[in-house]
């Protein structure tokens, strides 16, 4: 869908009925196949910025451009389909590993070759093959209760990769994990550098140390 860059240009945003902006004059360029980190403090509008990028909100001021073309309402459906999103908490259904990776795809249409490919990319294929009783047919339990936190996040990553996204957004995807598990999941994520464009949001700068570019969102100050 795009070949060069995404540009967030002078973007400000205020929620309806509020006077003060939660984001003010944010500028960011995300080059194709780059990895960009956003380190943020609580209350700095990180979730709002992601919602704007996903087309869930419209900037109050400024614009978002894809290959220098404004992201307008007519393009939003195709745009959202091109974005893979990995949140802090991965929603898993009480179904098989394969069904949770190919989430939303009717069973007869699940491409098992693709499921295995993305599981390898998320570095969970070996665990599935060697440690889980029924391999890809293993039931994960309600909300993935039979899996560890790191395994759930890697399945979430594999799910996001299944549809071959052009932009992969990781929204605090490892913040609930302990340091050792986070390091393993980030290893899988950074192995994707150069293959998919990545926007990684995290609290800790150390999580973003291997990104090609890192920016820090700060709270917007409001004068009385």
C-alpha atoms as a PDB file:
ATOM      1  CA  UNK A   1       0.000   0.000   0.000  1.00  0.00           C
ATOM      2  CA  UNK A   2       2.961   2.339   0.601  1.00  0.00           C
ATOM      3  CA  UNK A   3       6.574   2.397  -0.466  1.00  0.00           C
ATOM      4  CA  UNK A   4       8.423   5.273   1.196  1.00  0.00           C
ATOM      5  CA  UNK A   5       7.260   6.693   4.509  1.00  0.00           C
ATOM      6  CA  UNK A   6       4.512   7.598   6.930  1.00  0.00           C
ATOM      7  CA  UNK A   7       4.633  11.181   8.147  1.00  0.00           C
ATOM      8  CA  UNK A   8       2.891  12.588  11.211  1.00  0.00           C
ATOM      9  CA  UNK A   9       3.055  16.316  10.455  1.00  0.00           C
ATOM     10  CA  UNK A  10       2.353  18.990  13.097  1.00  0.00           C
ATOM     11  CA  UNK A  11      -0.394  16.844  14.610  1.00  0.00           C
ATOM     12  CA  UNK A  12      -2.378  18.150  17.572  1.00  0.00           C
ATOM     13  CA  UNK A  13      -5.428  16.507  19.095  1.00  0.00           C
ATOM     14  CA  UNK A  14      -8.049  17.528  21.637  1.00  0.00           C
ATOM     15  CA  UNK A  15     -10.974  15.361  22.662  1.00  0.00           C
ATOM     16  CA  UNK A  16     -14.420  16.881  21.981  1.00  0.00           C
ATOM     17  CA  UNK A  17     -15.569  19.150  24.794  1.00  0.00           C
ATOM     18  CA  UNK A  18     -12.058  19.749  26.136  1.00  0.00           C
ATOM     19  CA  UNK A  19      -9.973  22.906  25.761  1.00  0.00           C
ATOM     20  CA  UNK A  20      -6.475  21.539  26.240  1.00  0.00           C
ATOM     21  CA  UNK A  21      -4.786  19.332  23.638  1.00  0.00           C
ATOM     22  CA  UNK A  22      -3.497  15.933  24.700  1.00  0.00           C
ATOM     23  CA  UNK A  23      -1.054  16.047  21.765  1.00  0.00           C
ATOM     24  CA  UNK A  24       0.463  19.235  20.403  1.00  0.00           C
ATOM     25  CA  UNK A  25       2.461  19.670  17.187  1.00  0.00           C
ATOM     26  CA  UNK A  26       3.817  16.122  17.047  1.00  0.00           C
ATOM     27  CA  UNK A  27       6.132  15.426  14.111  1.00  0.00           C
ATOM     28  CA  UNK A  28       7.420  11.967  13.227  1.00  0.00           C
ATOM     29  CA  UNK A  29       8.613  10.258  10.055  1.00  0.00           C
ATOM     30  CA  UNK A  30       8.490   6.465   9.856  1.00  0.00           C
ATOM     31  CA  UNK A  31      10.519   5.183   6.925  1.00  0.00           C
ATOM     32  CA  UNK A  32       9.544   1.968   5.169  1.00  0.00           C
ATOM     33  CA  UNK A  33      11.121  -1.089   6.877  1.00  0.00           C
ATOM     34  CA  UNK A  34      12.535   1.030   9.728  1.00  0.00           C
ATOM     35  CA  UNK A  35      12.082   0.422  13.447  1.00  0.00           C
ATOM     36  CA  UNK A  36      10.916   3.440  15.452  1.00  0.00           C
ATOM     37  CA  UNK A  37      10.593   3.497  19.229  1.00  0.00           C
ATOM     38  CA  UNK A  38       8.377   5.785  21.294  1.00  0.00           C
ATOM     39  CA  UNK A  39       9.241   6.077  24.964  1.00  0.00           C
ATOM     40  CA  UNK A  40       6.499   7.715  26.920  1.00  0.00           C
ATOM     41  CA  UNK A  41       5.509   8.904  30.352  1.00  0.00           C
ATOM     42  CA  UNK A  42       2.029   8.133  31.676  1.00  0.00           C
ATOM     43  CA  UNK A  43      -0.500  10.645  30.393  1.00  0.00           C
ATOM     44  CA  UNK A  44       1.488  11.788  27.361  1.00  0.00           C
ATOM     45  CA  UNK A  45      -1.096  10.805  24.752  1.00  0.00           C
ATOM     46  CA  UNK A  46       0.633   7.661  23.506  1.00  0.00           C
ATOM     47  CA  UNK A  47      -2.671   5.790  23.090  1.00  0.00           C
ATOM     48  CA  UNK A  48      -4.161   8.790  21.311  1.00  0.00           C
ATOM     49  CA  UNK A  49      -1.216   8.928  18.903  1.00  0.00           C
ATOM     50  CA  UNK A  50      -1.656   5.249  18.056  1.00  0.00           C
ATOM     51  CA  UNK A  51      -5.421   5.733  17.582  1.00  0.00           C
ATOM     52  CA  UNK A  52      -4.689   8.611  15.197  1.00  0.00           C
ATOM     53  CA  UNK A  53      -2.211   6.479  13.282  1.00  0.00           C
ATOM     54  CA  UNK A  54      -4.769   3.659  13.055  1.00  0.00           C
ATOM     55  CA  UNK A  55      -7.375   6.120  11.773  1.00  0.00           C
ATOM     56  CA  UNK A  56      -9.618   5.752  14.831  1.00  0.00           C
ATOM     57  CA  UNK A  57      -9.430   9.521  15.452  1.00  0.00           C
ATOM     58  CA  UNK A  58      -8.864  12.490  13.147  1.00  0.00           C
ATOM     59  CA  UNK A  59      -6.237  15.099  14.084  1.00  0.00           C
ATOM     60  CA  UNK A  60      -7.615  18.380  15.402  1.00  0.00           C
ATOM     61  CA  UNK A  61      -4.753  20.041  13.551  1.00  0.00           C
ATOM     62  CA  UNK A  62      -2.047  18.753  11.234  1.00  0.00           C
ATOM     63  CA  UNK A  63      -2.201  15.636   9.102  1.00  0.00           C
ATOM     64  CA  UNK A  64      -0.981  12.084   8.627  1.00  0.00           C
ATOM     65  CA  UNK A  65       0.495  11.346   5.222  1.00  0.00           C
ATOM     66  CA  UNK A  66       1.333   8.019   3.618  1.00  0.00           C
ATOM     67  CA  UNK A  67       3.841   8.444   0.778  1.00  0.00           C
ATOM     68  CA  UNK A  68       3.045  12.194   0.915  1.00  0.00           C
ATOM     69  CA  UNK A  69      -0.683  11.540   0.416  1.00  0.00           C
ATOM     70  CA  UNK A  70      -3.085  12.482   3.259  1.00  0.00           C
ATOM     71  CA  UNK A  71      -4.721   9.539   5.018  1.00  0.00           C
ATOM     72  CA  UNK A  72      -8.347  10.363   4.233  1.00  0.00           C
ATOM     73  CA  UNK A  73     -11.570   8.515   5.213  1.00  0.00           C
ATOM     74  CA  UNK A  74     -11.832   6.754   1.850  1.00  0.00           C
ATOM     75  CA  UNK A  75      -8.539   4.967   2.434  1.00  0.00           C
ATOM     76  CA  UNK A  76      -9.018   3.989   6.077  1.00  0.00           C
ATOM     77  CA  UNK A  77     -10.369   0.468   5.584  1.00  0.00           C
ATOM     78  CA  UNK A  78      -7.445  -0.588   3.391  1.00  0.00           C
ATOM     79  CA  UNK A  79      -5.029   1.225   5.692  1.00  0.00           C
ATOM     80  CA  UNK A  80      -6.237  -0.554   8.836  1.00  0.00           C
ATOM     81  CA  UNK A  81      -6.021  -3.900   7.040  1.00  0.00           C
ATOM     82  CA  UNK A  82      -2.343  -3.187   6.376  1.00  0.00           C
ATOM     83  CA  UNK A  83      -1.508  -2.635  10.057  1.00  0.00           C
ATOM     84  CA  UNK A  84      -0.681  -5.400  12.552  1.00  0.00           C
ATOM     85  CA  UNK A  85      -1.321  -4.481  16.191  1.00  0.00           C
ATOM     86  CA  UNK A  86       0.112  -6.174  19.293  1.00  0.00           C
ATOM     87  CA  UNK A  87      -1.280  -4.806  22.590  1.00  0.00           C
ATOM     88  CA  UNK A  88      -0.112  -5.312  26.158  1.00  0.00           C
ATOM     89  CA  UNK A  89      -2.802  -7.921  26.804  1.00  0.00           C
ATOM     90  CA  UNK A  90      -3.373 -10.511  24.105  1.00  0.00           C
ATOM     91  CA  UNK A  91      -6.941 -11.768  23.803  1.00  0.00           C
ATOM     92  CA  UNK A  92      -6.950 -15.530  23.281  1.00  0.00           C
ATOM     93  CA  UNK A  93     -10.019 -17.684  22.763  1.00  0.00           C
ATOM     94  CA  UNK A  94     -10.408 -21.154  24.262  1.00  0.00           C
ATOM     95  CA  UNK A  95      -9.361 -22.749  20.999  1.00  0.00           C
ATOM     96  CA  UNK A  96      -6.257 -24.218  19.397  1.00  0.00           C
ATOM     97  CA  UNK A  97      -2.901 -22.501  18.947  1.00  0.00           C
ATOM     98  CA  UNK A  98      -3.465 -22.479  15.175  1.00  0.00           C
ATOM     99  CA  UNK A  99      -6.926 -20.922  15.489  1.00  0.00           C
ATOM    100  CA  UNK A 100      -5.574 -18.200  17.777  1.00  0.00           C
ATOM    101  CA  UNK A 101      -2.773 -17.335  15.359  1.00  0.00           C
ATOM    102  CA  UNK A 102      -5.131 -17.278  12.352  1.00  0.00           C
ATOM    103  CA  UNK A 103      -7.683 -15.422  14.478  1.00  0.00           C
ATOM    104  CA  UNK A 104     -10.991 -14.773  12.707  1.00  0.00           C
ATOM    105  CA  UNK A 105     -10.234 -17.084   9.770  1.00  0.00           C
ATOM    106  CA  UNK A 106     -12.771 -19.930   9.318  1.00  0.00           C
ATOM    107  CA  UNK A 107     -11.041 -23.291  10.006  1.00  0.00           C
ATOM    108  CA  UNK A 108     -11.291 -24.569   6.389  1.00  0.00           C
ATOM    109  CA  UNK A 109      -9.450 -21.463   5.193  1.00  0.00           C
ATOM    110  CA  UNK A 110      -6.595 -21.422   7.704  1.00  0.00           C
ATOM    111  CA  UNK A 111      -3.265 -21.583   5.893  1.00  0.00           C
ATOM    112  CA  UNK A 112      -1.202 -23.861   8.123  1.00  0.00           C
ATOM    113  CA  UNK A 113       1.958 -23.160   6.149  1.00  0.00           C
ATOM    114  CA  UNK A 114       1.503 -19.469   6.922  1.00  0.00           C
ATOM    115  CA  UNK A 115       0.688 -20.262  10.587  1.00  0.00           C
ATOM    116  CA  UNK A 116       4.007 -22.114  10.929  1.00  0.00           C
ATOM    117  CA  UNK A 117       5.919 -19.358   9.118  1.00  0.00           C
ATOM    118  CA  UNK A 118       4.690 -16.614  11.439  1.00  0.00           C
ATOM    119  CA  UNK A 119       5.198 -18.833  14.492  1.00  0.00           C
ATOM    120  CA  UNK A 120       8.826 -19.199  13.410  1.00  0.00           C
ATOM    121  CA  UNK A 121       9.097 -15.421  12.990  1.00  0.00           C
ATOM    122  CA  UNK A 122       7.666 -14.962  16.486  1.00  0.00           C
ATOM    123  CA  UNK A 123      10.111 -17.599  17.761  1.00  0.00           C
ATOM    124  CA  UNK A 124       7.435 -19.821  19.232  1.00  0.00           C
ATOM    125  CA  UNK A 125       7.391 -22.618  16.632  1.00  0.00           C
ATOM    126  CA  UNK A 126       9.910 -24.783  18.514  1.00  0.00           C
ATOM    127  CA  UNK A 127       7.995 -24.416  21.774  1.00  0.00           C
ATOM    128  CA  UNK A 128       4.762 -25.433  20.024  1.00  0.00           C
ATOM    129  CA  UNK A 129       6.375 -28.403  18.308  1.00  0.00           C
ATOM    130  CA  UNK A 130       8.440 -29.705  21.232  1.00  0.00           C
ATOM    131  CA  UNK A 131       6.672 -28.631  24.433  1.00  0.00           C
ATOM    132  CA  UNK A 132       2.925 -28.558  23.742  1.00  0.00           C
ATOM    133  CA  UNK A 133       1.047 -31.885  23.814  1.00  0.00           C
ATOM    134  CA  UNK A 134      -0.947 -31.494  20.594  1.00  0.00           C
ATOM    135  CA  UNK A 135       1.410 -29.000  18.945  1.00  0.00           C
ATOM    136  CA  UNK A 136      -0.641 -26.538  16.849  1.00  0.00           C
ATOM    137  CA  UNK A 137      -3.871 -28.317  17.850  1.00  0.00           C
ATOM    138  CA  UNK A 138      -3.204 -27.732  21.560  1.00  0.00           C
ATOM    139  CA  UNK A 139      -6.083 -25.935  23.290  1.00  0.00           C
ATOM    140  CA  UNK A 140      -4.860 -22.792  25.049  1.00  0.00           C
ATOM    141  CA  UNK A 141      -7.630 -22.650  27.663  1.00  0.00           C
ATOM    142  CA  UNK A 142      -9.800 -19.665  28.518  1.00  0.00           C
ATOM    143  CA  UNK A 143      -7.800 -16.452  27.903  1.00  0.00           C
ATOM    144  CA  UNK A 144      -4.729 -18.594  27.265  1.00  0.00           C
ATOM    145  CA  UNK A 145      -4.509 -19.841  30.856  1.00  0.00           C
ATOM    146  CA  UNK A 146      -2.412 -22.856  29.808  1.00  0.00           C
ATOM    147  CA  UNK A 147       0.308 -20.654  28.340  1.00  0.00           C
ATOM    148  CA  UNK A 148       2.933 -18.446  29.963  1.00  0.00           C
ATOM    149  CA  UNK A 149       2.894 -14.675  29.528  1.00  0.00           C
ATOM    150  CA  UNK A 150       5.769 -14.808  27.074  1.00  0.00           C
ATOM    151  CA  UNK A 151       4.070 -17.512  25.031  1.00  0.00           C
ATOM    152  CA  UNK A 152       0.843 -15.484  24.859  1.00  0.00           C
ATOM    153  CA  UNK A 153       2.717 -12.413  23.633  1.00  0.00           C
ATOM    154  CA  UNK A 154       4.529 -14.409  20.975  1.00  0.00           C
ATOM    155  CA  UNK A 155       1.236 -15.862  19.767  1.00  0.00           C
ATOM    156  CA  UNK A 156      -0.066 -12.279  19.621  1.00  0.00           C
ATOM    157  CA  UNK A 157       2.957 -11.346  17.532  1.00  0.00           C
ATOM    158  CA  UNK A 158       2.430 -14.330  15.216  1.00  0.00           C
ATOM    159  CA  UNK A 159      -1.242 -13.356  14.874  1.00  0.00           C
ATOM    160  CA  UNK A 160      -0.301  -9.790  13.912  1.00  0.00           C
ATOM    161  CA  UNK A 161       2.122 -11.148  11.270  1.00  0.00           C
ATOM    162  CA  UNK A 162      -0.320 -13.656   9.775  1.00  0.00           C
ATOM    163  CA  UNK A 163      -1.912 -11.115   7.420  1.00  0.00           C
ATOM    164  CA  UNK A 164       1.470  -9.771   6.270  1.00  0.00           C
ATOM    165  CA  UNK A 165       1.159  -6.241   7.668  1.00  0.00           C
ATOM    166  CA  UNK A 166       3.092  -3.346   6.175  1.00  0.00           C
ATOM    167  CA  UNK A 167       3.221  -1.635   9.578  1.00  0.00           C
ATOM    168  CA  UNK A 168       3.551  -3.496  12.879  1.00  0.00           C
ATOM    169  CA  UNK A 169       2.520  -1.512  15.974  1.00  0.00           C
ATOM    170  CA  UNK A 170       3.638  -2.901  19.340  1.00  0.00           C
ATOM    171  CA  UNK A 171       1.769  -1.056  22.071  1.00  0.00           C
ATOM    172  CA  UNK A 172       3.460  -1.776  25.419  1.00  0.00           C
ATOM    173  CA  UNK A 173       3.532  -5.362  24.161  1.00  0.00           C
ATOM    174  CA  UNK A 174       6.115  -6.521  26.728  1.00  0.00           C
ATOM    175  CA  UNK A 175       5.487  -4.209  29.684  1.00  0.00           C
ATOM    176  CA  UNK A 176       3.643  -6.838  31.752  1.00  0.00           C
ATOM    177  CA  UNK A 177       6.466  -9.381  31.416  1.00  0.00           C
ATOM    178  CA  UNK A 178       9.422  -9.913  33.719  1.00  0.00           C
ATOM    179  CA  UNK A 179      12.792  -8.717  32.419  1.00  0.00           C
ATOM    180  CA  UNK A 180      14.041 -12.120  31.270  1.00  0.00           C
ATOM    181  CA  UNK A 181      10.837 -12.958  29.389  1.00  0.00           C
ATOM    182  CA  UNK A 182      10.671  -9.459  27.900  1.00  0.00           C
ATOM    183  CA  UNK A 183      14.217  -9.884  26.590  1.00  0.00           C
ATOM    184  CA  UNK A 184      13.229 -13.117  24.839  1.00  0.00           C
ATOM    185  CA  UNK A 185      10.118 -11.590  23.260  1.00  0.00           C
ATOM    186  CA  UNK A 186      12.039  -8.473  22.173  1.00  0.00           C
ATOM    187  CA  UNK A 187      14.628 -10.764  20.589  1.00  0.00           C
ATOM    188  CA  UNK A 188      11.841 -12.178  18.398  1.00  0.00           C
ATOM    189  CA  UNK A 189      10.588  -8.679  17.602  1.00  0.00           C
ATOM    190  CA  UNK A 190      13.985  -7.266  16.669  1.00  0.00           C
ATOM    191  CA  UNK A 191      14.648 -10.260  14.430  1.00  0.00           C
ATOM    192  CA  UNK A 192      11.961  -8.762  12.173  1.00  0.00           C
ATOM    193  CA  UNK A 193      13.925  -5.552  11.539  1.00  0.00           C
ATOM    194  CA  UNK A 194      14.229  -4.785   7.853  1.00  0.00           C
ATOM    195  CA  UNK A 195      11.356  -7.147   6.976  1.00  0.00           C
ATOM    196  CA  UNK A 196       8.441  -5.091   8.308  1.00  0.00           C
ATOM    197  CA  UNK A 197       8.078  -1.475   9.423  1.00  0.00           C
ATOM    198  CA  UNK A 198       7.803  -1.352  13.225  1.00  0.00           C
ATOM    199  CA  UNK A 199       6.520   1.241  15.674  1.00  0.00           C
ATOM    200  CA  UNK A 200       7.349   0.102  19.212  1.00  0.00           C
ATOM    201  CA  UNK A 201       5.883   1.898  22.239  1.00  0.00           C
ATOM    202  CA  UNK A 202       7.382   1.219  25.672  1.00  0.00           C
ATOM    203  CA  UNK A 203       7.942   2.769  29.087  1.00  0.00           C
ATOM    204  CA  UNK A 204      11.584   1.764  29.311  1.00  0.00           C
ATOM    205  CA  UNK A 205      14.263   3.177  27.033  1.00  0.00           C
ATOM    206  CA  UNK A 206      16.181  -0.086  27.431  1.00  0.00           C
ATOM    207  CA  UNK A 207      13.352  -1.890  25.596  1.00  0.00           C
ATOM    208  CA  UNK A 208      13.902   0.397  22.599  1.00  0.00           C
ATOM    209  CA  UNK A 209      17.699   0.384  22.488  1.00  0.00           C
ATOM    210  CA  UNK A 210      17.852  -1.531  19.197  1.00  0.00           C
ATOM    211  CA  UNK A 211      15.382   0.712  17.351  1.00  0.00           C
ATOM    212  CA  UNK A 212      16.868   2.764  14.526  1.00  0.00           C
ATOM    213  CA  UNK A 213      15.124   5.885  15.838  1.00  0.00           C
ATOM    214  CA  UNK A 214      13.667   6.679  19.271  1.00  0.00           C
ATOM    215  CA  UNK A 215      11.540   9.638  20.306  1.00  0.00           C
ATOM    216  CA  UNK A 216      10.263  10.575  23.734  1.00  0.00           C
ATOM    217  CA  UNK A 217       6.729  11.853  24.224  1.00  0.00           C
ATOM    218  CA  UNK A 218       6.366  14.371  27.040  1.00  0.00           C
ATOM    219  CA  UNK A 219       3.264  15.746  28.675  1.00  0.00           C
ATOM    220  CA  UNK A 220       1.778  18.832  27.081  1.00  0.00           C
ATOM    221  CA  UNK A 221       2.118  21.722  29.522  1.00  0.00           C
ATOM    222  CA  UNK A 222      -0.879  24.013  29.948  1.00  0.00           C
ATOM    223  CA  UNK A 223      -0.447  27.528  31.272  1.00  0.00           C
ATOM    224  CA  UNK A 224      -3.127  28.726  33.659  1.00  0.00           C
END
